[in-house]
């Protein structure tokens, strides 16, 4: 059996209870060494075989899994955050399907949630933004043309941008070209929830300068939108005394 497990955003105590149990039971752990906190590996049993996938190809990962299966061992494939975001898990699952190897997924806390926690931020504020766009800039890995930064920027919703901290001048240009005002609030969160976490509030037009000032080129999330620093927003109807819900009668409809 193979368990795809979300390691969480960084802090070792932010893995789920289920994920921690899988780690403790695993005979083999293949972890994303470029981003997963190595402290999580301390939960593994002494006999567990541990592999760093940052140094492996997909074929090498699959070979380790196949050998573990032949030996009737349990494998944990440990990905950063939640594996469903930029985890490259579909290609692994398809290969396991072809080989008849069983697997399941254990969700994790994504770094975009960790970044919001670092800033005490609510992404979805009434009358400010009710949508969160999670995306990335294209680099050596392409992005579909219909999913350009400019096209998403036209909505002026809250945007969380992964894997783009080294391209902030171009990112800012595209955000403004797409429709965000240059003075739209933005944030950089470096290594959200890790012990060396850092965070800065800025604006779209000062993103690159802020990153340069603090020598940030990777392992940071970029957050853009009015929800980053909303001066005023509408109160939630759910907790408004005038609003009727399934569970209580309001004083009147707003």
C-alpha atoms as a PDB file:
ATOM      1  CA  UNK A   1       0.000   0.000   0.000  1.00  0.00           C
ATOM      2  CA  UNK A   2       1.158   3.523  -0.821  1.00  0.00           C
ATOM      3  CA  UNK A   3      -0.057   6.563   1.118  1.00  0.00           C
ATOM      4  CA  UNK A   4       0.355   9.987  -0.493  1.00  0.00           C
ATOM      5  CA  UNK A   5       0.622  12.260   2.544  1.00  0.00           C
ATOM      6  CA  UNK A   6       0.536  16.032   2.841  1.00  0.00           C
ATOM      7  CA  UNK A   7       3.344  17.124   5.147  1.00  0.00           C
ATOM      8  CA  UNK A   8       1.800  20.526   5.821  1.00  0.00           C
ATOM      9  CA  UNK A   9       3.366  23.937   5.179  1.00  0.00           C
ATOM     10  CA  UNK A  10       6.497  23.488   7.276  1.00  0.00           C
ATOM     11  CA  UNK A  11       5.949  23.419  11.026  1.00  0.00           C
ATOM     12  CA  UNK A  12       6.236  19.749  12.064  1.00  0.00           C
ATOM     13  CA  UNK A  13       3.152  19.937  14.286  1.00  0.00           C
ATOM     14  CA  UNK A  14       0.969  21.009  11.348  1.00  0.00           C
ATOM     15  CA  UNK A  15       0.859  17.577   9.759  1.00  0.00           C
ATOM     16  CA  UNK A  16      -2.526  15.906  10.241  1.00  0.00           C
ATOM     17  CA  UNK A  17      -3.055  13.243  12.905  1.00  0.00           C
ATOM     18  CA  UNK A  18      -3.678  10.707  10.128  1.00  0.00           C
ATOM     19  CA  UNK A  19      -0.552  11.751   8.261  1.00  0.00           C
ATOM     20  CA  UNK A  20       1.553  11.413  11.393  1.00  0.00           C
ATOM     21  CA  UNK A  21       0.157   7.921  12.012  1.00  0.00           C
ATOM     22  CA  UNK A  22       1.071   6.881   8.457  1.00  0.00           C
ATOM     23  CA  UNK A  23       4.621   8.182   8.965  1.00  0.00           C
ATOM     24  CA  UNK A  24       4.987   6.189  12.177  1.00  0.00           C
ATOM     25  CA  UNK A  25       3.741   3.007  10.484  1.00  0.00           C
ATOM     26  CA  UNK A  26       5.711   3.344   7.232  1.00  0.00           C
ATOM     27  CA  UNK A  27       8.372   0.859   6.182  1.00  0.00           C
ATOM     28  CA  UNK A  28       9.518   3.183   3.390  1.00  0.00           C
ATOM     29  CA  UNK A  29       9.267   6.985   3.187  1.00  0.00           C
ATOM     30  CA  UNK A  30       9.957   8.915  -0.010  1.00  0.00           C
ATOM     31  CA  UNK A  31       9.889  12.608   0.864  1.00  0.00           C
ATOM     32  CA  UNK A  32      10.153  15.805  -1.173  1.00  0.00           C
ATOM     33  CA  UNK A  33      13.448  16.892   0.326  1.00  0.00           C
ATOM     34  CA  UNK A  34      13.529  20.339  -1.231  1.00  0.00           C
ATOM     35  CA  UNK A  35      10.548  21.534   0.819  1.00  0.00           C
ATOM     36  CA  UNK A  36       9.468  19.017   3.466  1.00  0.00           C
ATOM     37  CA  UNK A  37      10.689  19.785   6.980  1.00  0.00           C
ATOM     38  CA  UNK A  38      13.174  16.988   7.872  1.00  0.00           C
ATOM     39  CA  UNK A  39      11.968  17.094  11.491  1.00  0.00           C
ATOM     40  CA  UNK A  40       8.936  15.118  10.299  1.00  0.00           C
ATOM     41  CA  UNK A  41      11.215  12.176   9.555  1.00  0.00           C
ATOM     42  CA  UNK A  42      11.974  11.893  13.263  1.00  0.00           C
ATOM     43  CA  UNK A  43       8.545  10.264  13.579  1.00  0.00           C
ATOM     44  CA  UNK A  44       9.635   7.314  11.429  1.00  0.00           C
ATOM     45  CA  UNK A  45      10.444   3.993  13.042  1.00  0.00           C
ATOM     46  CA  UNK A  46      14.088   3.003  13.276  1.00  0.00           C
ATOM     47  CA  UNK A  47      13.833   0.331  10.584  1.00  0.00           C
ATOM     48  CA  UNK A  48      12.198   2.644   8.044  1.00  0.00           C
ATOM     49  CA  UNK A  49      14.016   3.217   4.746  1.00  0.00           C
ATOM     50  CA  UNK A  50      14.034   6.921   3.828  1.00  0.00           C
ATOM     51  CA  UNK A  51      14.604   8.367   0.349  1.00  0.00           C
ATOM     52  CA  UNK A  52      14.913  12.014  -0.716  1.00  0.00           C
ATOM     53  CA  UNK A  53      12.972  12.430  -3.971  1.00  0.00           C
ATOM     54  CA  UNK A  54      14.680  15.758  -4.721  1.00  0.00           C
ATOM     55  CA  UNK A  55      17.563  13.629  -6.016  1.00  0.00           C
ATOM     56  CA  UNK A  56      15.364  11.106  -7.853  1.00  0.00           C
ATOM     57  CA  UNK A  57      13.508  10.844 -11.136  1.00  0.00           C
ATOM     58  CA  UNK A  58       9.908   9.634 -11.392  1.00  0.00           C
ATOM     59  CA  UNK A  59      11.197   6.283 -12.614  1.00  0.00           C
ATOM     60  CA  UNK A  60      13.477   5.939  -9.594  1.00  0.00           C
ATOM     61  CA  UNK A  61      10.625   6.777  -7.219  1.00  0.00           C
ATOM     62  CA  UNK A  62       8.437   4.148  -8.848  1.00  0.00           C
ATOM     63  CA  UNK A  63      11.206   1.556  -8.632  1.00  0.00           C
ATOM     64  CA  UNK A  64      11.498   2.092  -4.869  1.00  0.00           C
ATOM     65  CA  UNK A  65       7.724   1.752  -4.512  1.00  0.00           C
ATOM     66  CA  UNK A  66       7.639  -1.425  -6.615  1.00  0.00           C
ATOM     67  CA  UNK A  67      10.422  -3.010  -4.566  1.00  0.00           C
ATOM     68  CA  UNK A  68       8.582  -2.105  -1.350  1.00  0.00           C
ATOM     69  CA  UNK A  69       5.378  -3.637  -2.705  1.00  0.00           C
ATOM     70  CA  UNK A  70       7.166  -6.864  -3.651  1.00  0.00           C
ATOM     71  CA  UNK A  71       8.474  -7.035  -0.077  1.00  0.00           C
ATOM     72  CA  UNK A  72       4.940  -6.365   1.259  1.00  0.00           C
ATOM     73  CA  UNK A  73       6.026  -3.075   2.810  1.00  0.00           C
ATOM     74  CA  UNK A  74       3.998   0.102   3.338  1.00  0.00           C
ATOM     75  CA  UNK A  75       5.242   3.233   1.577  1.00  0.00           C
ATOM     76  CA  UNK A  76       4.545   6.882   2.436  1.00  0.00           C
ATOM     77  CA  UNK A  77       5.072   9.362  -0.391  1.00  0.00           C
ATOM     78  CA  UNK A  78       5.481  12.566   1.611  1.00  0.00           C
ATOM     79  CA  UNK A  79       4.748  15.792  -0.260  1.00  0.00           C
ATOM     80  CA  UNK A  80       4.884  19.361   0.984  1.00  0.00           C
ATOM     81  CA  UNK A  81       1.677  21.184   1.909  1.00  0.00           C
ATOM     82  CA  UNK A  82      -1.281  19.394   0.372  1.00  0.00           C
ATOM     83  CA  UNK A  83      -0.229  17.012  -2.418  1.00  0.00           C
ATOM     84  CA  UNK A  84      -3.057  18.183  -4.705  1.00  0.00           C
ATOM     85  CA  UNK A  85      -1.306  21.540  -5.298  1.00  0.00           C
ATOM     86  CA  UNK A  86       1.834  21.407  -7.441  1.00  0.00           C
ATOM     87  CA  UNK A  87       2.593  17.935  -6.069  1.00  0.00           C
ATOM     88  CA  UNK A  88       3.049  16.078  -9.387  1.00  0.00           C
ATOM     89  CA  UNK A  89       1.013  13.233  -7.893  1.00  0.00           C
ATOM     90  CA  UNK A  90      -1.240  12.429 -10.872  1.00  0.00           C
ATOM     91  CA  UNK A  91       1.634  11.027 -12.911  1.00  0.00           C
ATOM     92  CA  UNK A  92       2.649   8.846  -9.988  1.00  0.00           C
ATOM     93  CA  UNK A  93      -0.890   7.602  -9.428  1.00  0.00           C
ATOM     94  CA  UNK A  94      -1.375   6.799 -13.109  1.00  0.00           C
ATOM     95  CA  UNK A  95       1.819   4.744 -13.068  1.00  0.00           C
ATOM     96  CA  UNK A  96       0.683   2.910  -9.934  1.00  0.00           C
ATOM     97  CA  UNK A  97      -2.670   2.197 -11.598  1.00  0.00           C
ATOM     98  CA  UNK A  98      -0.818   0.646 -14.529  1.00  0.00           C
ATOM     99  CA  UNK A  99       1.170  -1.538 -12.158  1.00  0.00           C
ATOM    100  CA  UNK A 100      -1.850  -2.537 -10.065  1.00  0.00           C
ATOM    101  CA  UNK A 101      -0.481  -0.961  -6.885  1.00  0.00           C
ATOM    102  CA  UNK A 102      -3.026   0.356  -4.375  1.00  0.00           C
ATOM    103  CA  UNK A 103      -2.749   3.866  -2.976  1.00  0.00           C
ATOM    104  CA  UNK A 104      -4.710   6.560  -1.171  1.00  0.00           C
ATOM    105  CA  UNK A 105      -4.306  10.237  -0.318  1.00  0.00           C
ATOM    106  CA  UNK A 106      -4.052  11.993   3.032  1.00  0.00           C
ATOM    107  CA  UNK A 107      -4.646  15.747   2.713  1.00  0.00           C
ATOM    108  CA  UNK A 108      -2.392  18.313   4.321  1.00  0.00           C
ATOM    109  CA  UNK A 109      -2.407  21.977   5.264  1.00  0.00           C
ATOM    110  CA  UNK A 110      -1.323  23.973   2.215  1.00  0.00           C
ATOM    111  CA  UNK A 111       1.225  26.755   2.495  1.00  0.00           C
ATOM    112  CA  UNK A 112      -1.387  29.192   1.199  1.00  0.00           C
ATOM    113  CA  UNK A 113      -3.275  28.505   4.441  1.00  0.00           C
ATOM    114  CA  UNK A 114      -0.052  28.838   6.421  1.00  0.00           C
ATOM    115  CA  UNK A 115       0.640  32.183   4.758  1.00  0.00           C
ATOM    116  CA  UNK A 116      -2.815  33.474   5.684  1.00  0.00           C
ATOM    117  CA  UNK A 117      -2.219  32.382   9.269  1.00  0.00           C
ATOM    118  CA  UNK A 118       1.132  34.183   9.319  1.00  0.00           C
ATOM    119  CA  UNK A 119      -0.622  37.412   8.319  1.00  0.00           C
ATOM    120  CA  UNK A 120      -3.820  36.822  10.345  1.00  0.00           C
ATOM    121  CA  UNK A 121      -5.500  37.233   6.982  1.00  0.00           C
ATOM    122  CA  UNK A 122      -8.951  36.325   5.706  1.00  0.00           C
ATOM    123  CA  UNK A 123      -8.833  35.829   1.952  1.00  0.00           C
ATOM    124  CA  UNK A 124     -12.600  36.089   1.473  1.00  0.00           C
ATOM    125  CA  UNK A 125     -13.940  39.342   2.913  1.00  0.00           C
ATOM    126  CA  UNK A 126     -17.541  40.387   2.097  1.00  0.00           C
ATOM    127  CA  UNK A 127     -17.671  43.034  -0.604  1.00  0.00           C
ATOM    128  CA  UNK A 128     -13.869  42.851  -1.019  1.00  0.00           C
ATOM    129  CA  UNK A 129     -13.136  39.421  -2.472  1.00  0.00           C
ATOM    130  CA  UNK A 130     -15.093  36.180  -2.461  1.00  0.00           C
ATOM    131  CA  UNK A 131     -12.702  34.207  -4.660  1.00  0.00           C
ATOM    132  CA  UNK A 132      -9.124  32.981  -4.273  1.00  0.00           C
ATOM    133  CA  UNK A 133      -7.073  32.325  -7.396  1.00  0.00           C
ATOM    134  CA  UNK A 134      -4.137  29.967  -6.841  1.00  0.00           C
ATOM    135  CA  UNK A 135      -1.646  30.079  -9.689  1.00  0.00           C
ATOM    136  CA  UNK A 136       1.991  30.489 -10.682  1.00  0.00           C
ATOM    137  CA  UNK A 137       4.167  32.257 -13.237  1.00  0.00           C
ATOM    138  CA  UNK A 138       5.519  30.176 -16.080  1.00  0.00           C
ATOM    139  CA  UNK A 139       9.220  29.444 -15.892  1.00  0.00           C
ATOM    140  CA  UNK A 140      10.915  26.358 -17.255  1.00  0.00           C
ATOM    141  CA  UNK A 141       7.555  24.682 -16.607  1.00  0.00           C
ATOM    142  CA  UNK A 142       4.903  26.222 -18.878  1.00  0.00           C
ATOM    143  CA  UNK A 143       1.443  27.468 -17.918  1.00  0.00           C
ATOM    144  CA  UNK A 144      -1.553  27.165 -20.278  1.00  0.00           C
ATOM    145  CA  UNK A 145      -1.963  30.400 -22.272  1.00  0.00           C
ATOM    146  CA  UNK A 146      -5.581  30.783 -21.144  1.00  0.00           C
ATOM    147  CA  UNK A 147      -4.351  30.878 -17.517  1.00  0.00           C
ATOM    148  CA  UNK A 148      -2.063  33.887 -17.827  1.00  0.00           C
ATOM    149  CA  UNK A 149      -1.475  36.173 -14.859  1.00  0.00           C
ATOM    150  CA  UNK A 150      -3.045  39.004 -16.861  1.00  0.00           C
ATOM    151  CA  UNK A 151      -6.287  37.100 -17.443  1.00  0.00           C
ATOM    152  CA  UNK A 152      -6.652  36.299 -13.746  1.00  0.00           C
ATOM    153  CA  UNK A 153      -5.702  39.834 -12.711  1.00  0.00           C
ATOM    154  CA  UNK A 154      -8.709  41.166 -14.628  1.00  0.00           C
ATOM    155  CA  UNK A 155     -10.955  39.792 -11.854  1.00  0.00           C
ATOM    156  CA  UNK A 156      -9.086  41.676  -9.099  1.00  0.00           C
ATOM    157  CA  UNK A 157      -9.912  38.813  -6.728  1.00  0.00           C
ATOM    158  CA  UNK A 158      -7.466  37.617  -4.092  1.00  0.00           C
ATOM    159  CA  UNK A 159      -4.556  35.906  -5.828  1.00  0.00           C
ATOM    160  CA  UNK A 160      -2.037  33.536  -4.227  1.00  0.00           C
ATOM    161  CA  UNK A 161       0.974  32.981  -6.451  1.00  0.00           C
ATOM    162  CA  UNK A 162       3.268  29.992  -5.945  1.00  0.00           C
ATOM    163  CA  UNK A 163       6.735  29.325  -7.357  1.00  0.00           C
ATOM    164  CA  UNK A 164       7.285  32.858  -8.601  1.00  0.00           C
ATOM    165  CA  UNK A 165       9.400  34.679  -6.012  1.00  0.00           C
ATOM    166  CA  UNK A 166      12.324  34.992  -8.416  1.00  0.00           C
ATOM    167  CA  UNK A 167      10.268  36.714 -11.130  1.00  0.00           C
ATOM    168  CA  UNK A 168       8.624  39.578  -9.276  1.00  0.00           C
ATOM    169  CA  UNK A 169       9.377  42.424 -11.673  1.00  0.00           C
ATOM    170  CA  UNK A 170       7.683  40.529 -14.485  1.00  0.00           C
ATOM    171  CA  UNK A 171       4.894  39.371 -12.174  1.00  0.00           C
ATOM    172  CA  UNK A 172       4.147  42.957 -11.114  1.00  0.00           C
ATOM    173  CA  UNK A 173       4.114  44.122 -14.719  1.00  0.00           C
ATOM    174  CA  UNK A 174       1.616  41.437 -15.699  1.00  0.00           C
ATOM    175  CA  UNK A 175      -0.614  42.043 -12.677  1.00  0.00           C
ATOM    176  CA  UNK A 176      -0.911  45.738 -13.527  1.00  0.00           C
ATOM    177  CA  UNK A 177      -1.304  45.017 -17.231  1.00  0.00           C
ATOM    178  CA  UNK A 178      -4.155  42.668 -16.364  1.00  0.00           C
ATOM    179  CA  UNK A 179      -6.096  45.200 -14.303  1.00  0.00           C
ATOM    180  CA  UNK A 180      -4.816  45.544 -10.735  1.00  0.00           C
ATOM    181  CA  UNK A 181      -3.921  49.117  -9.735  1.00  0.00           C
ATOM    182  CA  UNK A 182      -0.186  49.363  -9.043  1.00  0.00           C
ATOM    183  CA  UNK A 183      -0.848  50.347  -5.416  1.00  0.00           C
ATOM    184  CA  UNK A 184      -2.943  47.219  -4.710  1.00  0.00           C
ATOM    185  CA  UNK A 185      -1.858  45.660  -1.385  1.00  0.00           C
ATOM    186  CA  UNK A 186       0.422  42.641  -1.647  1.00  0.00           C
ATOM    187  CA  UNK A 187       2.398  40.420   0.690  1.00  0.00           C
ATOM    188  CA  UNK A 188       5.449  38.190   0.582  1.00  0.00           C
ATOM    189  CA  UNK A 189       5.507  35.277   3.024  1.00  0.00           C
ATOM    190  CA  UNK A 190       8.793  33.394   3.194  1.00  0.00           C
ATOM    191  CA  UNK A 191       8.699  29.824   4.537  1.00  0.00           C
ATOM    192  CA  UNK A 192       5.247  30.122   6.091  1.00  0.00           C
ATOM    193  CA  UNK A 193       5.009  28.389   9.520  1.00  0.00           C
ATOM    194  CA  UNK A 194       8.704  27.421   9.589  1.00  0.00           C
ATOM    195  CA  UNK A 195      10.863  28.626  12.483  1.00  0.00           C
ATOM    196  CA  UNK A 196      12.552  31.149  10.152  1.00  0.00           C
ATOM    197  CA  UNK A 197       9.295  32.443   8.651  1.00  0.00           C
ATOM    198  CA  UNK A 198       9.351  36.046   7.455  1.00  0.00           C
ATOM    199  CA  UNK A 199       6.601  38.245   6.044  1.00  0.00           C
ATOM    200  CA  UNK A 200       6.244  41.687   4.527  1.00  0.00           C
ATOM    201  CA  UNK A 201       3.280  43.794   3.446  1.00  0.00           C
ATOM    202  CA  UNK A 202       3.876  45.928   0.377  1.00  0.00           C
ATOM    203  CA  UNK A 203       2.092  46.811  -2.876  1.00  0.00           C
ATOM    204  CA  UNK A 204       2.219  45.307  -6.343  1.00  0.00           C
ATOM    205  CA  UNK A 205       4.631  47.968  -7.561  1.00  0.00           C
ATOM    206  CA  UNK A 206       7.014  47.395  -4.627  1.00  0.00           C
ATOM    207  CA  UNK A 207       7.023  43.576  -4.672  1.00  0.00           C
ATOM    208  CA  UNK A 208      10.376  43.246  -6.440  1.00  0.00           C
ATOM    209  CA  UNK A 209      12.074  45.910  -4.319  1.00  0.00           C
ATOM    210  CA  UNK A 210      10.779  44.358  -1.102  1.00  0.00           C
ATOM    211  CA  UNK A 211      12.042  40.914  -2.087  1.00  0.00           C
ATOM    212  CA  UNK A 212      15.414  42.329  -3.151  1.00  0.00           C
ATOM    213  CA  UNK A 213      15.790  44.239   0.116  1.00  0.00           C
ATOM    214  CA  UNK A 214      15.357  41.010   2.074  1.00  0.00           C
ATOM    215  CA  UNK A 215      17.195  38.739  -0.378  1.00  0.00           C
ATOM    216  CA  UNK A 216      14.142  36.616  -1.161  1.00  0.00           C
ATOM    217  CA  UNK A 217      14.383  34.611  -4.380  1.00  0.00           C
ATOM    218  CA  UNK A 218      12.499  31.383  -3.598  1.00  0.00           C
ATOM    219  CA  UNK A 219      10.401  29.497  -1.020  1.00  0.00           C
ATOM    220  CA  UNK A 220       7.979  32.401  -0.708  1.00  0.00           C
ATOM    221  CA  UNK A 221       4.319  32.894  -1.518  1.00  0.00           C
ATOM    222  CA  UNK A 222       3.026  36.103  -3.067  1.00  0.00           C
ATOM    223  CA  UNK A 223      -0.444  37.295  -2.086  1.00  0.00           C
ATOM    224  CA  UNK A 224      -2.171  40.061  -4.014  1.00  0.00           C
ATOM    225  CA  UNK A 225      -5.502  41.806  -3.515  1.00  0.00           C
ATOM    226  CA  UNK A 226      -7.445  44.204  -1.334  1.00  0.00           C
ATOM    227  CA  UNK A 227      -8.020  41.492   1.277  1.00  0.00           C
ATOM    228  CA  UNK A 228      -4.334  41.814   2.244  1.00  0.00           C
ATOM    229  CA  UNK A 229      -5.027  45.217   3.786  1.00  0.00           C
ATOM    230  CA  UNK A 230      -8.735  45.939   3.637  1.00  0.00           C
ATOM    231  CA  UNK A 231      -9.559  49.146   5.416  1.00  0.00           C
ATOM    232  CA  UNK A 232     -13.301  48.523   5.345  1.00  0.00           C
ATOM    233  CA  UNK A 233     -15.499  45.599   4.387  1.00  0.00           C
ATOM    234  CA  UNK A 234     -19.057  44.444   4.913  1.00  0.00           C
ATOM    235  CA  UNK A 235     -20.013  42.598   8.060  1.00  0.00           C
ATOM    236  CA  UNK A 236     -20.811  38.911   7.573  1.00  0.00           C
ATOM    237  CA  UNK A 237     -24.554  38.328   7.228  1.00  0.00           C
ATOM    238  CA  UNK A 238     -24.193  34.979   8.997  1.00  0.00           C
ATOM    239  CA  UNK A 239     -23.594  36.608  12.369  1.00  0.00           C
ATOM    240  CA  UNK A 240     -25.732  39.695  11.844  1.00  0.00           C
ATOM    241  CA  UNK A 241     -28.562  39.742  14.433  1.00  0.00           C
ATOM    242  CA  UNK A 242     -30.993  40.843  11.718  1.00  0.00           C
ATOM    243  CA  UNK A 243     -30.204  37.844   9.484  1.00  0.00           C
ATOM    244  CA  UNK A 244     -32.330  34.684   9.719  1.00  0.00           C
ATOM    245  CA  UNK A 245     -30.562  31.340   9.338  1.00  0.00           C
ATOM    246  CA  UNK A 246     -31.518  27.692   9.682  1.00  0.00           C
ATOM    247  CA  UNK A 247     -30.465  27.870  13.338  1.00  0.00           C
ATOM    248  CA  UNK A 248     -31.870  31.184  14.573  1.00  0.00           C
ATOM    249  CA  UNK A 249     -34.501  33.792  13.778  1.00  0.00           C
ATOM    250  CA  UNK A 250     -33.195  37.228  12.923  1.00  0.00           C
ATOM    251  CA  UNK A 251     -34.771  40.442  14.150  1.00  0.00           C
ATOM    252  CA  UNK A 252     -35.459  41.407  10.523  1.00  0.00           C
ATOM    253  CA  UNK A 253     -34.073  40.783   7.085  1.00  0.00           C
ATOM    254  CA  UNK A 254     -31.189  43.179   6.276  1.00  0.00           C
END
